[in-house]
C-alpha atoms as a PDB file:
ATOM      1  CA  MET A   1      75.433 143.207 155.232  1.00  0.00           C
ATOM      2  CA  PHE A   2      78.114 145.873 155.254  1.00  0.00           C
ATOM      3  CA  GLN A   3      78.678 148.459 152.577  1.00  0.00           C
ATOM      4  CA  ASP A   4      82.062 149.847 151.530  1.00  0.00           C
ATOM      5  CA  TRP A   5      81.731 153.569 152.218  1.00  0.00           C
ATOM      6  CA  ILE A   6      84.110 154.897 149.601  1.00  0.00           C
ATOM      7  CA  SER A   7      87.295 154.020 151.474  1.00  0.00           C
ATOM      8  CA  LYS A   8      89.059 157.063 150.055  1.00  0.00           C
ATOM      9  CA  PHE A   9      86.205 159.176 151.457  1.00  0.00           C
ATOM     10  CA  PHE A  10      87.646 158.931 154.950  1.00  0.00           C
ATOM     11  CA  CYS A  11      91.162 159.685 153.735  1.00  0.00           C
ATOM     12  CA  PHE A  12      89.621 162.680 151.990  1.00  0.00           C
ATOM     13  CA  ALA A  13      88.577 164.161 155.332  1.00  0.00           C
ATOM     14  CA  VAL A  14      92.240 164.296 156.311  1.00  0.00           C
ATOM     15  CA  CYS A  15      93.104 165.937 152.989  1.00  0.00           C
ATOM     16  CA  LEU A  16      90.489 168.595 153.682  1.00  0.00           C
ATOM     17  CA  VAL A  17      92.270 169.525 156.892  1.00  0.00           C
ATOM     18  CA  LEU A  18      95.799 169.505 155.536  1.00  0.00           C
ATOM     19  CA  LEU A  19      95.120 170.731 151.978  1.00  0.00           C
ATOM     20  CA  GLY A  20      98.344 169.060 151.028  1.00  0.00           C
ATOM     21  CA  PRO A  21      99.873 168.425 147.585  1.00  0.00           C
ATOM     22  CA  GLY A  22      97.383 167.227 145.024  1.00  0.00           C
ATOM     23  CA  CYS A  23      94.407 169.007 146.558  1.00  0.00           C
ATOM     24  CA  ASP A  24      93.239 171.363 143.825  1.00  0.00           C
ATOM     25  CA  THR A  25      91.787 174.111 146.009  1.00  0.00           C
ATOM     26  CA  ILE A  26      89.261 176.306 144.249  1.00  0.00           C
ATOM     27  CA  GLU A  27      88.942 179.890 145.405  1.00  0.00           C
ATOM     28  CA  ALA A  28      85.898 180.279 147.628  1.00  0.00           C
ATOM     29  CA  GLN A  29      83.425 183.098 147.364  1.00  0.00           C
ATOM     30  CA  THR A  30      81.475 183.835 150.541  1.00  0.00           C
ATOM     31  CA  VAL A  31      78.325 185.926 150.208  1.00  0.00           C
ATOM     32  CA  THR A  32      75.935 186.837 153.008  1.00  0.00           C
ATOM     33  CA  GLY A  33      72.995 186.276 150.675  1.00  0.00           C
ATOM     34  CA  GLU A  34      71.366 188.092 147.805  1.00  0.00           C
ATOM     35  CA  PRO A  35      67.859 189.527 148.346  1.00  0.00           C
ATOM     36  CA  GLY A  36      66.444 186.780 146.139  1.00  0.00           C
ATOM     37  CA  GLY A  37      68.070 183.970 148.141  1.00  0.00           C
ATOM     38  CA  ALA A  38      69.979 181.083 146.581  1.00  0.00           C
ATOM     39  CA  ASP A  39      68.613 181.688 143.064  1.00  0.00           C
ATOM     40  CA  ALA A  40      69.997 185.223 143.030  1.00  0.00           C
ATOM     41  CA  THR A  41      73.379 184.200 144.396  1.00  0.00           C
ATOM     42  CA  LEU A  42      73.576 181.462 141.768  1.00  0.00           C
ATOM     43  CA  ALA A  43      73.024 184.044 139.052  1.00  0.00           C
ATOM     44  CA  SER A  44      75.578 186.413 140.560  1.00  0.00           C
ATOM     45  CA  VAL A  45      78.286 183.733 140.546  1.00  0.00           C
ATOM     46  CA  ARG A  46      77.579 182.460 137.049  1.00  0.00           C
ATOM     47  CA  SER A  47      77.701 185.956 135.634  1.00  0.00           C
ATOM     48  CA  GLY A  48      81.429 186.020 136.448  1.00  0.00           C
ATOM     49  CA  GLY A  49      82.456 184.216 133.251  1.00  0.00           C
ATOM     50  CA  GLY A  50      85.729 182.275 133.133  1.00  0.00           C
ATOM     51  CA  ASN A  51      87.075 179.292 131.214  1.00  0.00           C
ATOM     52  CA  PRO A  52      84.017 177.659 129.590  1.00  0.00           C
ATOM     53  CA  ASN A  53      85.685 174.213 129.616  1.00  0.00           C
ATOM     54  CA  LYS A  54      86.780 174.114 133.266  1.00  0.00           C
ATOM     55  CA  THR A  55      84.660 172.768 136.089  1.00  0.00           C
ATOM     56  CA  VAL A  56      84.427 175.457 138.768  1.00  0.00           C
ATOM     57  CA  LEU A  57      83.149 175.082 142.332  1.00  0.00           C
ATOM     58  CA  LYS A  58      82.162 178.044 144.496  1.00  0.00           C
ATOM     59  CA  ALA A  59      80.585 178.119 147.954  1.00  0.00           C
ATOM     60  CA  LEU A  60      78.252 180.855 149.142  1.00  0.00           C
ATOM     61  CA  ALA A  61      76.593 181.582 152.465  1.00  0.00           C
ATOM     62  CA  VAL A  62      72.862 181.950 151.792  1.00  0.00           C
ATOM     63  CA  PRO A  63      69.808 182.179 154.070  1.00  0.00           C
ATOM     64  CA  GLU A  64      69.170 178.436 153.697  1.00  0.00           C
ATOM     65  CA  GLY A  65      72.704 177.376 154.693  1.00  0.00           C
ATOM     66  CA  ILE A  66      75.633 176.960 152.286  1.00  0.00           C
ATOM     67  CA  CYS A  67      75.041 176.892 148.545  1.00  0.00           C
ATOM     68  CA  LEU A  68      77.508 175.171 146.226  1.00  0.00           C
ATOM     69  CA  VAL A  69      77.519 176.514 142.685  1.00  0.00           C
ATOM     70  CA  PHE A  70      78.965 174.408 139.883  1.00  0.00           C
ATOM     71  CA  ASP A  71      79.914 175.609 136.440  1.00  0.00           C
ATOM     72  CA  ASN A  72      80.511 173.067 133.685  1.00  0.00           C
ATOM     73  CA  ILE A  73      79.947 169.699 135.314  1.00  0.00           C
ATOM     74  CA  PRO A  74      81.203 167.206 132.670  1.00  0.00           C
ATOM     75  CA  GLN A  75      78.275 165.469 131.040  1.00  0.00           C
ATOM     76  CA  ASP A  76      79.946 162.076 131.414  1.00  0.00           C
ATOM     77  CA  THR A  77      80.072 162.433 135.224  1.00  0.00           C
ATOM     78  CA  THR A  78      78.238 159.472 136.781  1.00  0.00           C
ATOM     79  CA  TRP A  79      78.747 160.069 140.479  1.00  0.00           C
ATOM     80  CA  ILE A  80      79.337 163.070 142.760  1.00  0.00           C
ATOM     81  CA  VAL A  81      79.996 163.014 146.496  1.00  0.00           C
ATOM     82  CA  VAL A  82      79.771 166.290 148.427  1.00  0.00           C
ATOM     83  CA  HIS A  83      81.399 166.403 151.864  1.00  0.00           C
ATOM     84  CA  PHE A  84      81.307 169.185 154.471  1.00  0.00           C
ATOM     85  CA  SER A  85      83.621 169.124 157.466  1.00  0.00           C
ATOM     86  CA  ASP A  86      84.377 171.519 160.285  1.00  0.00           C
ATOM     87  CA  VAL A  87      87.563 171.061 162.258  1.00  0.00           C
ATOM     88  CA  ILE A  88      87.169 171.285 166.027  1.00  0.00           C
ATOM     89  CA  ASP A  89      89.465 171.461 169.032  1.00  0.00           C
ATOM     90  CA  LYS A  90      87.857 169.839 172.042  1.00  0.00           C
ATOM     91  CA  GLY A  91      91.075 169.062 173.895  1.00  0.00           C
ATOM     92  CA  SER A  92      93.303 166.000 173.970  1.00  0.00           C
ATOM     93  CA  GLY A  93      90.691 163.822 175.665  1.00  0.00           C
ATOM     94  CA  ALA A  94      87.955 164.428 173.123  1.00  0.00           C
ATOM     95  CA  ALA A  95      86.269 161.559 171.327  1.00  0.00           C
ATOM     96  CA  ARG A  96      85.350 163.602 168.230  1.00  0.00           C
ATOM     97  CA  HIS A  97      88.715 163.013 166.494  1.00  0.00           C
ATOM     98  CA  GLY A  98      88.928 166.539 165.162  1.00  0.00           C
ATOM     99  CA  ILE A  99      86.466 166.483 162.266  1.00  0.00           C
ATOM    100  CA  ILE A 100      82.670 166.637 162.108  1.00  0.00           C
ATOM    101  CA  GLY A 101      81.397 165.553 158.700  1.00  0.00           C
ATOM    102  CA  THR A 102      78.234 165.769 156.598  1.00  0.00           C
ATOM    103  CA  TYR A 103      77.937 164.321 153.131  1.00  0.00           C
ATOM    104  CA  THR A 104      75.589 163.458 150.281  1.00  0.00           C
ATOM    105  CA  ASP A 105      75.977 160.887 147.508  1.00  0.00           C
ATOM    106  CA  ILE A 106      74.568 162.158 144.185  1.00  0.00           C
ATOM    107  CA  ARG A 107      73.745 159.763 141.323  1.00  0.00           C
ATOM    108  CA  GLY A 108      70.976 158.973 138.849  1.00  0.00           C
ATOM    109  CA  ASN A 109      68.132 161.461 138.518  1.00  0.00           C
ATOM    110  CA  SER A 110      69.528 163.671 141.286  1.00  0.00           C
ATOM    111  CA  LEU A 111      72.801 163.980 139.378  1.00  0.00           C
ATOM    112  CA  GLU A 112      71.026 164.866 136.146  1.00  0.00           C
ATOM    113  CA  HIS A 113      69.072 167.540 138.026  1.00  0.00           C
ATOM    114  CA  LEU A 114      72.327 168.947 139.437  1.00  0.00           C
ATOM    115  CA  LYS A 115      73.870 169.109 135.959  1.00  0.00           C
ATOM    116  CA  GLN A 116      70.901 171.234 134.884  1.00  0.00           C
ATOM    117  CA  THR A 117      70.685 173.541 137.907  1.00  0.00           C
ATOM    118  CA  GLY A 118      74.345 173.721 138.912  1.00  0.00           C
ATOM    119  CA  ARG A 119      73.366 174.128 142.541  1.00  0.00           C
ATOM    120  CA  VAL A 120      73.360 172.152 145.784  1.00  0.00           C
ATOM    121  CA  ILE A 121      72.247 173.623 149.098  1.00  0.00           C
ATOM    122  CA  CYS A 122      73.278 172.080 152.393  1.00  0.00           C
ATOM    123  CA  PRO A 123      71.199 173.484 155.259  1.00  0.00           C
ATOM    124  CA  PHE A 124      72.813 171.263 157.910  1.00  0.00           C
ATOM    125  CA  VAL A 125      75.517 173.691 159.007  1.00  0.00           C
ATOM    126  CA  GLN A 126      76.137 175.622 162.216  1.00  0.00           C
ATOM    127  CA  THR A 127      75.886 179.414 162.073  1.00  0.00           C
ATOM    128  CA  GLY A 128      79.318 181.033 162.132  1.00  0.00           C
ATOM    129  CA  TYR A 129      81.295 177.818 161.590  1.00  0.00           C
ATOM    130  CA  THR A 130      83.943 177.534 158.880  1.00  0.00           C
ATOM    131  CA  TYR A 131      83.486 174.504 156.626  1.00  0.00           C
ATOM    132  CA  ASN A 132      86.009 172.745 154.443  1.00  0.00           C
ATOM    133  CA  ILE A 133      84.089 171.414 151.448  1.00  0.00           C
ATOM    134  CA  GLY A 134      85.203 168.771 148.989  1.00  0.00           C
ATOM    135  CA  VAL A 135      83.444 167.406 145.920  1.00  0.00           C
ATOM    136  CA  TYR A 136      84.382 164.124 144.231  1.00  0.00           C
ATOM    137  CA  PHE A 137      83.576 163.679 140.530  1.00  0.00           C
ATOM    138  CA  GLN A 138      83.658 160.243 138.916  1.00  0.00           C
ATOM    139  CA  LYS A 139      83.241 159.347 135.260  1.00  0.00           C
ATOM    140  CA  GLY A 140      81.935 155.909 134.308  1.00  0.00           C
ATOM    141  CA  ASP A 141      82.189 153.130 136.875  1.00  0.00           C
ATOM    142  CA  ARG A 142      85.902 153.405 137.659  1.00  0.00           C
ATOM    143  CA  HIS A 143      87.914 155.725 139.899  1.00  0.00           C
ATOM    144  CA  GLU A 144      90.529 156.363 137.219  1.00  0.00           C
ATOM    145  CA  GLY A 145      90.170 159.892 135.916  1.00  0.00           C
ATOM    146  CA  SER A 146      88.192 161.012 138.953  1.00  0.00           C
ATOM    147  CA  GLU A 147      88.682 164.515 140.303  1.00  0.00           C
ATOM    148  CA  TRP A 148      88.416 166.339 143.623  1.00  0.00           C
ATOM    149  CA  LEU A 149      87.608 170.025 144.012  1.00  0.00           C
ATOM    150  CA  TYR A 150      87.883 171.852 147.335  1.00  0.00           C
ATOM    151  CA  THR A 151      86.676 175.129 148.793  1.00  0.00           C
ATOM    152  CA  VAL A 152      85.901 176.810 152.128  1.00  0.00           C
ATOM    153  CA  CYS A 153      82.899 178.775 153.386  1.00  0.00           C
ATOM    154  CA  VAL A 154      81.620 180.332 156.618  1.00  0.00           C
ATOM    155  CA  ALA A 155      77.965 179.509 157.313  1.00  0.00           C
ATOM    156  CA  GLY A 156      75.780 182.542 157.963  1.00  0.00           C
ATOM    157  CA  ARG A 157      72.741 180.490 158.886  1.00  0.00           C
ATOM    158  CA  GLY A 158      71.779 176.835 159.014  1.00  0.00           C
ATOM    159  CA  ILE A 159      70.242 173.940 160.916  1.00  0.00           C
ATOM    160  CA  GLY A 160      72.470 172.775 163.746  1.00  0.00           C
ATOM    161  CA  LEU A 161      72.428 170.055 166.367  1.00  0.00           C
ATOM    162  CA  ASN A 162      71.104 171.375 169.679  1.00  0.00           C
ATOM    163  CA  ASN A 163      71.999 168.535 172.050  1.00  0.00           C
ATOM    164  CA  ASP A 164      75.225 166.761 172.967  1.00  0.00           C
ATOM    165  CA  ILE A 165      75.094 163.076 172.072  1.00  0.00           C
ATOM    166  CA  ASN A 166      77.503 160.383 173.192  1.00  0.00           C
ATOM    167  CA  LEU A 167      78.291 157.204 171.273  1.00  0.00           C
ATOM    168  CA  SER A 168      79.301 154.539 173.785  1.00  0.00           C
ATOM    169  CA  LEU A 169      81.024 151.234 173.159  1.00  0.00           C
ATOM    170  CA  ASN A 170      79.653 148.164 174.928  1.00  0.00           C
ATOM    171  CA  ALA A 171      81.783 146.229 177.413  1.00  0.00           C
ATOM    172  CA  THR A 172      83.102 143.829 174.769  1.00  0.00           C
ATOM    173  CA  GLN A 173      83.760 146.578 172.183  1.00  0.00           C
ATOM    174  CA  THR A 174      81.545 144.824 169.649  1.00  0.00           C
ATOM    175  CA  GLY A 175      78.815 147.441 169.384  1.00  0.00           C
ATOM    176  CA  VAL A 176      77.860 151.052 170.067  1.00  0.00           C
ATOM    177  CA  THR A 177      74.788 152.884 171.372  1.00  0.00           C
ATOM    178  CA  LEU A 178      73.755 156.523 171.039  1.00  0.00           C
ATOM    179  CA  SER A 179      72.822 158.239 174.298  1.00  0.00           C
ATOM    180  CA  SER A 180      69.762 160.000 172.848  1.00  0.00           C
ATOM    181  CA  GLU A 181      67.885 161.038 169.746  1.00  0.00           C
ATOM    182  CA  PRO A 182      69.241 164.129 167.958  1.00  0.00           C
ATOM    183  CA  GLU A 183      67.490 167.465 168.450  1.00  0.00           C
ATOM    184  CA  PHE A 184      67.916 169.970 165.638  1.00  0.00           C
ATOM    185  CA  SER A 185      67.487 173.745 165.697  1.00  0.00           C
ATOM    186  CA  ALA A 186      64.703 173.610 163.084  1.00  0.00           C
ATOM    187  CA  GLU A 187      62.244 171.074 161.730  1.00  0.00           C
ATOM    188  CA  VAL A 188      63.904 168.391 159.573  1.00  0.00           C
ATOM    189  CA  GLN A 189      62.723 165.513 157.399  1.00  0.00           C
ATOM    190  CA  TYR A 190      64.169 162.185 158.471  1.00  0.00           C
ATOM    191  CA  ALA A 191      65.015 159.492 155.947  1.00  0.00           C
ATOM    192  CA  PRO A 192      63.193 156.136 156.304  1.00  0.00           C
ATOM    193  CA  HIS A 193      66.454 154.634 157.624  1.00  0.00           C
ATOM    194  CA  LYS A 194      67.135 157.275 160.244  1.00  0.00           C
ATOM    195  CA  PHE A 195      70.620 156.294 161.435  1.00  0.00           C
ATOM    196  CA  SER A 196      73.745 154.897 159.826  1.00  0.00           C
ATOM    197  CA  TYR A 197      77.169 154.110 161.210  1.00  0.00           C
ATOM    198  CA  SER A 198      80.739 153.746 160.032  1.00  0.00           C
ATOM    199  CA  ALA A 199      83.897 152.315 161.520  1.00  0.00           C
ATOM    200  CA  THR A 200      87.263 153.829 160.705  1.00  0.00           C
ATOM    201  CA  ILE A 201      90.658 152.181 161.161  1.00  0.00           C
ATOM    202  CA  LYS A 202      93.714 154.411 161.233  1.00  0.00           C
ATOM    203  CA  LYS A 203      96.525 152.704 159.317  1.00  0.00           C
ATOM    204  CA  ALA A 204      98.846 155.697 159.403  1.00  0.00           C
ATOM    205  CA  GLU A 205      98.866 159.286 160.627  1.00  0.00           C
ATOM    206  CA  ASP A 206      97.352 160.557 157.366  1.00  0.00           C
ATOM    207  CA  TRP A 207      95.627 157.466 155.966  1.00  0.00           C
ATOM    208  CA  SER A 208      92.485 155.706 157.180  1.00  0.00           C
ATOM    209  CA  VAL A 209      90.110 153.015 155.946  1.00  0.00           C
ATOM    210  CA  GLY A 210      86.386 153.144 156.607  1.00  0.00           C
ATOM    211  CA  ILE A 211      83.472 150.754 156.262  1.00  0.00           C
ATOM    212  CA  GLY A 212      79.878 151.803 156.821  1.00  0.00           C
ATOM    213  CA  ASP A 213      76.559 150.108 157.463  1.00  0.00           C
ATOM    214  CA  ASN A 214      73.363 151.718 156.228  1.00  0.00           C
ATOM    215  CA  LYS A 215      71.009 148.776 156.680  1.00  0.00           C
ATOM    216  CA  SER A 216      71.593 146.478 159.659  1.00  0.00           C
ATOM    217  CA  ALA A 217      71.787 149.063 162.461  1.00  0.00           C
ATOM    218  CA  LYS A 218      68.852 148.946 164.877  1.00  0.00           C
ATOM    219  CA  GLY A 219      68.025 152.575 165.658  1.00  0.00           C
ATOM    220  CA  LEU A 220      70.290 153.923 168.375  1.00  0.00           C
ATOM    221  CA  THR A 221      72.384 150.727 168.542  1.00  0.00           C
ATOM    222  CA  TRP A 222      74.811 149.155 166.074  1.00  0.00           C
ATOM    223  CA  ASP A 223      76.258 145.693 166.792  1.00  0.00           C
ATOM    224  CA  PHE A 224      79.143 145.506 164.363  1.00  0.00           C
ATOM    225  CA  GLU A 225      81.039 142.343 165.246  1.00  0.00           C
ATOM    226  CA  PRO A 226      82.062 139.846 163.935  1.00  0.00           C
ATOM    227  CA  GLU A 227      81.017 141.155 160.509  1.00  0.00           C
ATOM    228  CA  LEU A 228      83.137 144.297 160.721  1.00  0.00           C
ATOM    229  CA  SER A 229      86.406 142.471 161.440  1.00  0.00           C
ATOM    230  CA  ASN A 230      85.656 139.962 158.692  1.00  0.00           C
ATOM    231  CA  GLU A 231      85.040 142.752 156.209  1.00  0.00           C
ATOM    232  CA  PHE A 232      88.223 144.631 157.081  1.00  0.00           C
ATOM    233  CA  ARG A 233      90.239 141.415 156.954  1.00  0.00           C
ATOM    234  CA  GLU A 234      88.860 140.235 153.633  1.00  0.00           C
ATOM    235  CA  GLU A 235      88.948 143.554 151.825  1.00  0.00           C
ATOM    236  CA  TYR A 236      91.683 145.690 153.271  1.00  0.00           C
ATOM    237  CA  LEU A 237      93.931 144.740 156.153  1.00  0.00           C
ATOM    238  CA  GLU A 238      96.427 142.123 157.240  1.00  0.00           C
ATOM    239  CA  SER A 239      96.343 140.606 160.731  1.00  0.00           C
ATOM    240  CA  GLY A 240      97.230 142.956 163.546  1.00  0.00           C
ATOM    241  CA  SER A 241      95.857 145.486 166.036  1.00  0.00           C
ATOM    242  CA  TYR A 242      94.613 148.845 164.792  1.00  0.00           C
ATOM    243  CA  PRO A 243      93.273 152.027 166.424  1.00  0.00           C
ATOM    244  CA  ALA A 244      89.620 152.433 165.441  1.00  0.00           C
ATOM    245  CA  TYR A 245      86.549 154.493 166.182  1.00  0.00           C
ATOM    246  CA  VAL A 246      82.860 154.527 165.168  1.00  0.00           C
ATOM    247  CA  THR A 247      80.900 157.459 163.766  1.00  0.00           C
ATOM    248  CA  ALA A 248      77.110 157.824 163.938  1.00  0.00           C
ATOM    249  CA  PHE A 249      75.122 159.731 161.317  1.00  0.00           C
ATOM    250  CA  CYS A 250      71.532 160.944 161.168  1.00  0.00           C
ATOM    251  CA  ASN A 251      70.093 160.658 157.658  1.00  0.00           C
ATOM    252  CA  LEU A 252      68.047 163.686 156.598  1.00  0.00           C
ATOM    253  CA  ILE A 253      66.295 164.650 153.380  1.00  0.00           C
ATOM    254  CA  TYR A 254      66.494 168.113 151.875  1.00  0.00           C
ATOM    255  CA  GLY A 255      65.091 168.654 148.393  1.00  0.00           C
ATOM    256  CA  ASP A 256      65.829 165.503 146.403  1.00  0.00           C
ATOM    257  CA  LEU A 257      69.033 164.636 148.309  1.00  0.00           C
ATOM    258  CA  LEU A 258      69.734 162.494 151.335  1.00  0.00           C
ATOM    259  CA  TRP A 259      72.309 164.025 153.679  1.00  0.00           C
ATOM    260  CA  SER A 260      74.148 161.982 156.301  1.00  0.00           C
ATOM    261  CA  VAL A 261      74.889 164.348 159.183  1.00  0.00           C
ATOM    262  CA  GLU A 262      77.420 163.302 161.793  1.00  0.00           C
ATOM    263  CA  ILE A 263      76.008 163.412 165.317  1.00  0.00           C
ATOM    264  CA  ALA A 264      78.607 161.551 167.426  1.00  0.00           C
ATOM    265  CA  LYS A 265      81.859 159.600 167.482  1.00  0.00           C
ATOM    266  CA  SER A 266      82.941 156.884 169.883  1.00  0.00           C
ATOM    267  CA  ARG A 267      86.155 156.928 171.827  1.00  0.00           C
ATOM    268  CA  GLU A 268      89.102 155.286 170.158  1.00  0.00           C
ATOM    269  CA  PHE A 269      89.570 151.554 170.756  1.00  0.00           C
ATOM    270  CA  ILE A 270      91.786 148.751 169.459  1.00  0.00           C
ATOM    271  CA  LEU A 271      90.359 146.433 166.807  1.00  0.00           C
ATOM    272  CA  SER A 272      92.310 143.180 166.578  1.00  0.00           C
ATOM    273  CA  LEU A 273      92.297 141.237 163.337  1.00  0.00           C
ATOM    274  CA  GLN A 274      93.498 137.647 163.610  1.00  0.00           C
END
């Protein structure tokens, strides 16, 4: 019923903020946009040369949103995750927990297409916001030998969320409900499964564990117990009480990729595992 959402993926969001040891930050290049759009900016970046054997990630502001340009994706790469996050300060009482995230999971035919084009465009960014961007590369079916690349870019244009949405816990803290449907600043294409949710437990100040559900959620509502506690207990955590929160995503399609765009977070609550 529940799907492990790349547990390190949530820890990765913290790494994006801190850019601590081990985060191989790649120099960002921010461009307001070539006259020919993303195709022209892609050509302008690739003309820069460099080490032909090194994978290079650059981010560019283009009319469509933010364009990521890759040079030399290893041919044995089997999985890429692209994550955008903007760090916010809403005050000590905020329920957003500091990071708003958007991500896409690239495999199969979409990955082969990316290896050929070297380009991914994310249009789901807010104009003028600074985004920390991380890309996870995996070879084969194991995490050993995987690599993270990081960069930063300011969005010149993009498709943003126009309305404020709340994600409320029910009285028993066993489910959440969104206050309304999202309203975007431009027309978007929704995925067949429009909403997905994740729950994150904070084990330490800089380390979290997350589990997501892409299938069982019923529209604006996600009833996550008792399955969520069972999953955390069986896969990750010993008995105890942990700070937790839930994140809601709207799933949107752009090109051949599905993007999960964060639209709300719940307040923090205590999840008890017996």
